[in-house]
């Protein structure tokens, strides 16, 4: 009860301070408007004087504002008068409306104490909880220390629990932190396991061919040629896999730096299209470019790599002679590129997993396609690093379309 009264008193004090500042500000605005109107009126009357007239003195006379007269005494003894009411009758309604709004604003501001109290409540609760925690004796924290010491991040089924209601909020915060640590560790373990599995295959192949060379390759030219070719292929595959792993590891640690420059996305897509037509004669490529420029500020090499990944992915899962469409579009708010194939497609429940590392929807996508399962993960990292979004539309036996959009500003 005492805490509520204390917070209400603070809220009233803050509200009164805001109200006083608001009133002062409105009064200053009114005075400024009054001065501006007076200066404007004096300038206007001065412009209406004869060319040779020189004002010696200005007076305002009359009883009641309806009879006020603005008198300009000239050096030659004559004067020019103007009834101020003729000028004020056009301003008074506007000033009355302005004063009415100001009065309503000031009056309503007097009753903001409840709103201020509501906004202060989280701070008050935090202060109250901190005060409660500071008043606990050492035994409470000893119980908490023992509960923490019994929990290991590797044990996913254990949580911190002391049974002490005073420490319940701290337990919730610590358990949430522990859950995040455990999930991060789980992802790291899965990544290491998958990476080890992927590297084990080419190493085993290389070891097998080396053993075969050691036994028969010295005297058999056909075995020698087959082994050398296999060793070259597997070492190239392992090199690519290691480079992809290093790229993602640098991305996770924030060491992949973007070298951003201004570019036209159409030029980038044209380059990838020309390369694809040159190196892949098994598919038909079609390019559609928007007439408008597609400006984008980003890392040219990385963006080109992301486009290549989507194009190579389309070629990998499309039968020979099928068409792969590439397109770039630009709007007032965004630029985007699209890669669409007529391949075997992806079932709906697998679409949400295709950007996971080492994930390959083998059963859906044919099972025979080669690859590390890291390409789409790398492409997504690059798109995310440029604040882009990826939209995937796919139907089994119809094809897949990736649309990557970058919003401007």
Protein backbone atom coordinates (compact mmCIF):
# COMPACT_ATOMS: atom_id res chain seq x y z
CA UNK A 1 0.00 0.00 0.00
CA UNK A 2 2.81 2.35 0.94
CA UNK A 3 4.63 1.52 -2.33
CA UNK A 4 1.52 2.37 -4.39
CA UNK A 5 1.10 5.69 -2.57
CA UNK A 6 4.76 6.48 -3.13
CA UNK A 7 4.50 5.73 -6.88
CA UNK A 8 1.29 7.80 -7.15
CA UNK A 9 3.04 10.73 -5.49
CA UNK A 10 5.97 10.45 -7.93
CA UNK A 11 3.58 10.20 -10.88
CA UNK A 12 1.71 13.33 -9.75
CA UNK A 13 4.98 15.21 -9.35
CA UNK A 14 6.16 14.21 -12.83
CA UNK A 15 2.77 15.08 -14.34
CA UNK A 16 2.74 18.52 -12.67
CA UNK A 17 6.26 19.20 -13.97
CA UNK A 18 5.21 18.26 -17.54
CA UNK A 19 2.00 20.32 -17.20
CA UNK A 20 3.92 23.40 -16.07
CA UNK A 21 6.39 23.10 -18.93
CA UNK A 22 3.53 22.63 -21.38
CA UNK A 23 1.75 25.74 -20.08
CA UNK A 24 4.95 27.79 -20.30
CA UNK A 25 5.51 26.61 -23.87
CA UNK A 26 1.96 27.53 -24.95
CA UNK A 27 2.25 30.98 -23.36
CA UNK A 28 5.51 31.59 -25.19
CA UNK A 29 3.89 30.51 -28.46
CA UNK A 30 0.95 32.89 -27.85
CA UNK A 31 3.30 35.79 -27.10
CA UNK A 32 5.32 35.04 -30.22
CA UNK A 33 2.15 34.99 -32.33
CA UNK A 34 1.04 38.30 -30.79
CA UNK A 35 4.38 39.95 -31.58
CA UNK A 36 4.32 38.60 -35.15
CA UNK A 37 0.78 39.91 -35.71
CA UNK A 38 1.73 43.35 -34.29
CA UNK A 39 4.83 43.58 -36.51
CA UNK A 40 2.83 42.47 -39.55
CA UNK A 41 0.11 45.07 -38.86
CA UNK A 42 2.65 47.90 -38.34
CA UNK A 43 4.47 46.97 -41.55
CA UNK A 44 1.17 46.84 -43.46
CA UNK A 45 0.09 50.29 -42.25
CA UNK A 46 3.53 51.68 -43.00
CA UNK A 47 3.29 50.50 -46.60
CA UNK A 48 0.01 52.44 -47.00
CA UNK A 49 1.57 55.81 -46.08
CA UNK A 50 2.23 58.42 -48.78
CA UNK A 51 5.73 58.25 -50.21
CA UNK A 52 7.05 61.43 -48.52
CA UNK A 53 5.31 60.87 -45.19
CA UNK A 54 7.45 60.39 -42.11
CA UNK A 55 5.87 58.93 -38.97
CA UNK A 56 6.75 60.90 -35.88
CA UNK A 57 4.71 58.97 -33.33
CA UNK A 58 2.26 56.08 -33.10
CA UNK A 59 -0.65 56.01 -30.60
CA UNK A 60 -3.52 53.67 -29.82
CA UNK A 61 -6.56 55.44 -28.33
CA UNK A 62 -10.20 54.66 -27.63
CA UNK A 63 -12.45 53.09 -24.97
CA UNK A 64 -13.09 49.36 -25.53
CA UNK A 65 -11.40 47.30 -28.23
CA UNK A 66 -14.23 48.07 -30.70
CA UNK A 67 -13.30 51.78 -30.53
CA UNK A 68 -9.53 51.39 -30.56
CA UNK A 69 -7.81 53.55 -33.15
CA UNK A 70 -4.32 53.15 -34.52
CA UNK A 71 -3.01 56.71 -35.07
CA UNK A 72 0.14 57.59 -37.02
CA UNK A 73 1.28 61.18 -36.24
CA UNK A 74 3.32 62.62 -39.11
CA UNK A 75 6.09 65.25 -38.98
CA UNK A 76 3.97 67.82 -40.87
CA UNK A 77 1.38 67.78 -38.03
CA UNK A 78 -1.18 65.65 -39.84
CA UNK A 79 -2.18 62.16 -38.79
CA UNK A 80 -3.64 58.95 -40.24
CA UNK A 81 -6.00 56.84 -38.14
CA UNK A 82 -7.28 53.30 -38.59
CA UNK A 83 -9.92 51.47 -36.53
CA UNK A 84 -8.18 48.42 -35.11
CA UNK A 85 -11.49 46.57 -34.90
CA UNK A 86 -11.54 46.32 -38.71
CA UNK A 87 -8.33 44.32 -38.46
CA UNK A 88 -9.02 42.43 -35.24
CA UNK A 89 -12.46 41.15 -36.26
CA UNK A 90 -10.76 38.78 -38.68
CA UNK A 91 -8.21 37.56 -36.12
CA UNK A 92 -10.34 37.23 -32.98
CA UNK A 93 -12.23 34.06 -34.11
CA UNK A 94 -8.95 32.34 -34.98
CA UNK A 95 -7.42 33.34 -31.64
CA UNK A 96 -10.49 32.11 -29.77
CA UNK A 97 -10.31 28.73 -31.51
CA UNK A 98 -6.58 28.55 -30.73
CA UNK A 99 -7.17 29.43 -27.07
CA UNK A 100 -9.95 26.83 -26.86
CA UNK A 101 -7.65 24.10 -28.14
CA UNK A 102 -4.89 25.21 -25.80
CA UNK A 103 -7.30 25.18 -22.86
CA UNK A 104 -8.48 21.66 -23.70
CA UNK A 105 -4.88 20.50 -24.09
CA UNK A 106 -3.80 22.01 -20.76
CA UNK A 107 -6.91 20.75 -18.99
CA UNK A 108 -6.50 17.18 -20.28
CA UNK A 109 -2.80 17.20 -19.39
CA UNK A 110 -3.77 17.63 -15.74
CA UNK A 111 -5.21 14.11 -15.69
CA UNK A 112 -2.23 12.15 -17.06
CA UNK A 113 -1.14 10.90 -13.65
CA UNK A 114 -2.72 7.46 -14.20
CA UNK A 115 -0.98 7.05 -17.57
CA UNK A 116 2.38 8.04 -16.08
CA UNK A 117 1.80 5.61 -13.22
CA UNK A 118 1.09 2.84 -15.74
CA UNK A 119 4.29 3.58 -17.68
CA UNK A 120 6.32 3.71 -14.45
CA UNK A 121 5.00 0.37 -13.21
CA UNK A 122 7.69 -1.81 -14.88
CA UNK A 123 10.42 0.37 -13.36
CA UNK A 124 8.68 0.30 -10.00
CA UNK A 125 8.33 -3.50 -10.16
CA UNK A 126 12.01 -3.78 -11.05
CA UNK A 127 13.02 -1.53 -8.17
CA UNK A 128 10.76 -3.44 -5.80
CA UNK A 129 12.20 -6.78 -6.89
CA UNK A 130 15.77 -5.45 -6.60
CA UNK A 131 14.99 -4.20 -3.10
CA UNK A 132 13.52 -7.57 -2.14
CA UNK A 133 16.55 -9.41 -3.49
CA UNK A 134 18.97 -7.08 -1.70
CA UNK A 135 17.18 -7.75 1.57
CA UNK A 136 17.58 -11.54 1.32
CA UNK A 137 20.03 -13.17 3.68
CA UNK A 138 23.06 -15.15 2.53
CA UNK A 139 21.33 -18.54 2.85
CA UNK A 140 19.06 -17.76 -0.11
CA UNK A 141 22.01 -17.09 -2.40
CA UNK A 142 23.87 -20.12 -1.09
CA UNK A 143 20.92 -22.30 -2.16
CA UNK A 144 20.95 -20.63 -5.57
CA UNK A 145 24.71 -21.19 -5.93
CA UNK A 146 24.32 -24.88 -5.12
CA UNK A 147 21.45 -25.24 -7.63
CA UNK A 148 23.54 -23.60 -10.37
CA UNK A 149 26.58 -25.78 -9.64
CA UNK A 150 24.49 -28.93 -10.16
CA UNK A 151 23.43 -27.94 -13.69
CA UNK A 152 25.55 -28.55 -16.77
CA UNK A 153 24.87 -26.94 -20.17
CA UNK A 154 25.26 -30.38 -21.76
CA UNK A 155 22.35 -31.80 -19.72
CA UNK A 156 19.27 -30.62 -21.61
CA UNK A 157 16.74 -32.03 -19.14
CA UNK A 158 18.01 -30.21 -16.04
CA UNK A 159 16.90 -26.79 -14.84
CA UNK A 160 17.83 -24.54 -11.92
CA UNK A 161 15.35 -24.89 -9.06
CA UNK A 162 15.72 -23.93 -5.40
CA UNK A 163 12.07 -23.99 -4.37
CA UNK A 164 12.52 -20.47 -2.98
CA UNK A 165 9.70 -18.16 -4.13
CA UNK A 166 11.87 -15.09 -3.52
CA UNK A 167 14.32 -16.35 -6.15
CA UNK A 168 11.71 -17.51 -8.67
CA UNK A 169 12.21 -14.61 -11.10
CA UNK A 170 16.00 -15.12 -11.06
CA UNK A 171 15.49 -18.84 -11.71
CA UNK A 172 13.32 -18.09 -14.76
CA UNK A 173 15.92 -15.72 -16.22
CA UNK A 174 18.77 -18.18 -15.59
CA UNK A 175 16.80 -21.11 -17.05
CA UNK A 176 16.01 -19.09 -20.20
CA UNK A 177 19.71 -18.27 -20.56
CA UNK A 178 20.60 -21.91 -19.96
CA UNK A 179 18.11 -23.05 -22.61
CA UNK A 180 19.71 -20.70 -25.17
CA UNK A 181 23.19 -21.96 -24.27
CA UNK A 182 22.04 -25.57 -24.61
CA UNK A 183 20.41 -24.91 -27.97
CA UNK A 184 23.57 -23.19 -29.21
CA UNK A 185 25.70 -26.08 -28.02
CA UNK A 186 23.33 -28.54 -29.68
CA UNK A 187 23.66 -26.69 -33.00
CA UNK A 188 27.45 -26.63 -32.69
CA UNK A 189 27.58 -30.36 -31.93
CA UNK A 190 25.31 -31.11 -34.87
CA UNK A 191 27.44 -28.92 -37.15
CA UNK A 192 30.66 -30.64 -36.05
CA UNK A 193 29.07 -34.07 -36.45
CA UNK A 194 27.74 -33.30 -39.93
CA UNK A 195 31.04 -31.71 -41.00
CA UNK A 196 32.96 -34.77 -39.78
CA UNK A 197 30.60 -37.06 -41.67
CA UNK A 198 30.94 -35.05 -44.89
CA UNK A 199 34.73 -34.96 -44.66
CA UNK A 200 34.96 -38.66 -43.80
CA UNK A 201 33.63 -39.74 -47.21
CA UNK A 202 36.21 -38.04 -49.46
CA UNK A 203 38.99 -38.98 -47.04
CA UNK A 204 37.89 -42.64 -47.18
CA UNK A 205 37.77 -42.53 -50.99
CA UNK A 206 41.22 -40.96 -51.19
CA UNK A 207 42.59 -43.54 -48.75
CA UNK A 208 41.03 -46.36 -50.76
CA UNK A 209 42.58 -45.24 -54.04
CA UNK A 210 45.95 -44.65 -52.39
CA UNK A 211 45.88 -48.26 -51.08
CA UNK A 212 44.86 -49.50 -54.53
CA UNK A 213 47.75 -47.59 -56.09
CA UNK A 214 50.10 -49.05 -53.52
CA UNK A 215 49.00 -52.60 -54.36
CA UNK A 216 48.38 -52.63 -58.13
CA UNK A 217 48.75 -49.13 -59.54
CA UNK A 218 52.50 -49.27 -59.90
CA UNK A 219 52.29 -51.77 -62.73
CA UNK A 220 48.74 -51.24 -64.08
CA UNK A 221 48.39 -48.07 -66.17
CA UNK A 222 44.56 -48.18 -66.20
CA UNK A 223 44.43 -48.39 -62.40
CA UNK A 224 46.93 -45.55 -62.20
CA UNK A 225 44.85 -43.26 -64.44
CA UNK A 226 41.59 -44.10 -62.66
CA UNK A 227 43.14 -43.48 -59.26
CA UNK A 228 44.70 -40.16 -60.23
CA UNK A 229 41.39 -38.92 -61.67
CA UNK A 230 39.48 -40.01 -58.56
CA UNK A 231 42.05 -38.41 -56.25
CA UNK A 232 41.81 -35.14 -58.17
CA UNK A 233 37.99 -35.15 -57.98
CA UNK A 234 37.81 -36.03 -54.31
CA UNK A 235 40.50 -33.55 -53.29
CA UNK A 236 38.67 -30.83 -55.23
CA UNK A 237 35.42 -31.78 -53.52
CA UNK A 238 37.10 -31.73 -50.10
CA UNK A 239 38.70 -28.36 -50.85
CA UNK A 240 35.30 -26.91 -51.79
CA UNK A 241 33.72 -28.38 -48.66
CA UNK A 242 36.44 -26.95 -46.38
CA UNK A 243 36.10 -23.52 -48.01
CA UNK A 244 32.34 -23.60 -47.47
CA UNK A 245 32.80 -24.63 -43.83
CA UNK A 246 35.30 -21.82 -43.28
CA UNK A 247 32.94 -19.29 -44.91
CA UNK A 248 30.09 -20.26 -42.57
CA UNK A 249 32.40 -20.37 -39.54
CA UNK A 250 33.62 -16.84 -40.32
CA UNK A 251 30.02 -15.75 -40.78
CA UNK A 252 29.03 -17.17 -37.38
CA UNK A 253 31.90 -15.34 -35.69
CA UNK A 254 31.26 -12.07 -37.54
CA UNK A 255 34.53 -12.18 -39.49
CA UNK A 256 32.99 -12.15 -42.98
CA UNK A 257 33.34 -8.51 -43.98
CA UNK A 258 31.22 -7.06 -46.77
CA UNK A 259 32.93 -4.80 -49.32
CA UNK A 260 29.87 -2.89 -50.48
CA UNK A 261 29.73 -0.90 -53.70
CA UNK A 262 26.95 0.53 -55.84
CA UNK A 263 25.93 -1.79 -58.69
CA UNK A 264 23.16 -2.64 -61.11
CA UNK A 265 21.69 -6.06 -60.31
CA UNK A 266 20.92 -6.56 -64.00
CA UNK A 267 24.64 -6.53 -64.86
CA UNK A 268 25.33 -9.13 -62.19
CA UNK A 269 22.58 -11.45 -63.48
CA UNK A 270 23.80 -10.98 -67.06
CA UNK A 271 27.28 -12.19 -66.03
CA UNK A 272 25.91 -15.29 -64.28
CA UNK A 273 23.66 -16.01 -67.27
CA UNK A 274 26.58 -15.80 -69.72
CA UNK A 275 28.70 -18.08 -67.52
CA UNK A 276 25.89 -20.62 -67.13
CA UNK A 277 25.22 -20.79 -70.87
CA UNK A 278 28.94 -21.33 -71.49
CA UNK A 279 29.59 -24.08 -68.93
CA UNK A 280 26.23 -25.89 -68.94
CA UNK A 281 25.10 -27.12 -72.34
CA UNK A 282 22.62 -29.61 -70.86
CA UNK A 283 19.99 -26.98 -69.98
CA UNK A 284 18.33 -24.06 -71.72
CA UNK A 285 18.76 -20.70 -70.00
CA UNK A 286 16.43 -17.73 -70.49
CA UNK A 287 17.10 -14.25 -69.12
CA UNK A 288 14.50 -11.54 -68.44
CA UNK A 289 15.79 -8.11 -67.38
CA UNK A 290 13.68 -5.14 -66.33
CA UNK A 291 13.92 -2.01 -68.49
CA UNK A 292 14.51 0.10 -65.39
CA UNK A 293 17.81 0.15 -63.54
CA UNK A 294 18.03 -2.17 -60.56
CA UNK A 295 20.46 -0.32 -58.24
CA UNK A 296 21.80 -2.21 -55.25
CA UNK A 297 24.43 -1.34 -52.65
CA UNK A 298 26.21 -4.53 -51.65
CA UNK A 299 29.18 -6.86 -51.91
CA UNK A 300 29.44 -7.68 -55.62
CA UNK A 301 31.41 -10.93 -55.22
CA UNK A 302 29.15 -12.34 -52.52
CA UNK A 303 25.93 -11.42 -54.32
CA UNK A 304 27.25 -13.03 -57.48
CA UNK A 305 28.10 -16.14 -55.46
CA UNK A 306 24.55 -16.30 -54.10
CA UNK A 307 23.07 -16.10 -57.61
CA UNK A 308 25.44 -18.85 -58.81
CA UNK A 309 24.34 -21.09 -55.94
CA UNK A 310 20.65 -20.76 -56.82
CA UNK A 311 21.40 -21.31 -60.54
CA UNK A 312 23.59 -24.35 -59.85
CA UNK A 313 20.93 -25.70 -57.52
CA UNK A 314 18.32 -25.33 -60.29
CA UNK A 315 20.57 -27.12 -62.80
CA UNK A 316 21.37 -29.91 -60.34
CA UNK A 317 17.72 -30.84 -59.81
CA UNK A 318 16.46 -30.28 -63.37
CA UNK A 319 16.49 -32.96 -66.08
CA UNK A 320 18.53 -32.29 -69.20
CA UNK A 321 17.01 -30.01 -71.86
CA UNK A 322 14.79 -28.31 -69.25
CA UNK A 323 14.60 -24.52 -69.10
CA UNK A 324 16.02 -22.44 -66.27
CA UNK A 325 14.69 -18.88 -66.12
CA UNK A 326 16.61 -15.95 -64.63
CA UNK A 327 15.01 -12.55 -64.09
CA UNK A 328 15.62 -9.17 -62.44
CA UNK A 329 12.88 -6.73 -61.49
CA UNK A 330 12.94 -3.27 -59.94
CA UNK A 331 10.24 -1.27 -58.17
CA UNK A 332 10.29 2.05 -56.35
CA UNK A 333 10.91 0.30 -53.02
CA UNK A 334 12.90 -2.83 -53.91
CA UNK A 335 14.99 -4.80 -56.40
CA UNK A 336 14.80 -8.57 -56.78
CA UNK A 337 16.10 -11.48 -58.80
CA UNK A 338 14.42 -14.78 -59.58
CA UNK A 339 15.74 -18.25 -60.46
CA UNK A 340 13.14 -20.74 -61.64
CA UNK A 341 13.53 -24.33 -62.85
CA UNK A 342 11.26 -27.03 -64.23
CA UNK A 343 12.81 -29.74 -62.11
CA UNK A 344 11.55 -32.33 -59.68
CA UNK A 345 10.51 -29.78 -57.02
CA UNK A 346 10.34 -30.01 -53.24
CA UNK A 347 7.49 -31.26 -51.07
CA UNK A 348 5.97 -28.57 -48.85
CA UNK A 349 7.09 -29.99 -45.50
CA UNK A 350 10.74 -29.96 -46.62
CA UNK A 351 10.85 -26.34 -47.84
CA UNK A 352 11.38 -24.93 -44.33
CA UNK A 353 14.55 -27.08 -43.94
CA UNK A 354 16.35 -26.51 -47.25
CA UNK A 355 18.50 -23.67 -45.85
CA UNK A 356 19.73 -25.76 -42.92
CA UNK A 357 23.38 -26.75 -43.07
CA UNK A 358 24.09 -30.18 -44.58
CA UNK A 359 20.39 -30.66 -45.27
CA UNK A 360 19.55 -32.43 -48.52
CA UNK A 361 16.02 -33.48 -49.28
CA UNK A 362 17.38 -36.58 -51.01
CA UNK A 363 14.19 -38.58 -51.06
CA UNK A 364 12.29 -35.70 -52.59
CA UNK A 365 15.01 -34.39 -54.88
CA UNK A 366 16.17 -37.63 -56.44
CA UNK A 367 18.80 -38.90 -54.04
CA UNK A 368 21.57 -39.01 -56.63
CA UNK A 369 22.48 -35.33 -56.74
CA UNK A 370 25.95 -34.54 -55.52
CA UNK A 371 26.76 -31.71 -53.15
CA UNK A 372 27.70 -30.82 -49.60
CA UNK A 373 24.33 -29.46 -48.49
CA UNK A 374 25.95 -26.13 -47.64
CA UNK A 375 25.25 -24.12 -50.79
CA UNK A 376 21.81 -22.83 -49.88
CA UNK A 377 22.99 -22.11 -46.31
CA UNK A 378 25.75 -19.90 -47.74
CA UNK A 379 23.32 -18.19 -50.13
CA UNK A 380 20.94 -17.44 -47.27
CA UNK A 381 23.76 -16.02 -45.15
CA UNK A 382 24.72 -13.67 -48.00
CA UNK A 383 21.12 -12.57 -48.56
CA UNK A 384 20.58 -12.04 -44.82
CA UNK A 385 23.81 -10.02 -44.63
CA UNK A 386 22.30 -7.67 -47.24
CA UNK A 387 18.96 -7.46 -45.36
CA UNK A 388 17.25 -9.39 -48.15
CA UNK A 389 14.44 -11.93 -48.07
CA UNK A 390 14.04 -15.28 -49.85
CA UNK A 391 10.69 -16.55 -51.07
CA UNK A 392 10.45 -20.19 -52.18
CA UNK A 393 7.64 -21.61 -54.28
CA UNK A 394 7.93 -25.27 -55.24
CA UNK A 395 5.71 -28.13 -56.42
CA UNK A 396 6.86 -31.75 -56.93
CA UNK A 397 7.31 -32.63 -60.63
CA UNK A 398 6.58 -29.01 -61.63
CA UNK A 399 9.62 -27.05 -60.44
CA UNK A 400 11.00 -24.56 -57.95
CA UNK A 401 11.22 -20.77 -57.94
CA UNK A 402 13.49 -18.74 -55.68
CA UNK A 403 12.75 -15.01 -55.44
CA UNK A 404 15.32 -12.89 -53.59
CA UNK A 405 14.24 -9.34 -52.71
CA UNK A 406 16.30 -6.42 -51.40
CA UNK A 407 14.35 -3.46 -50.04
CA UNK A 408 15.67 0.05 -50.52
CA UNK A 409 16.19 2.45 -47.62
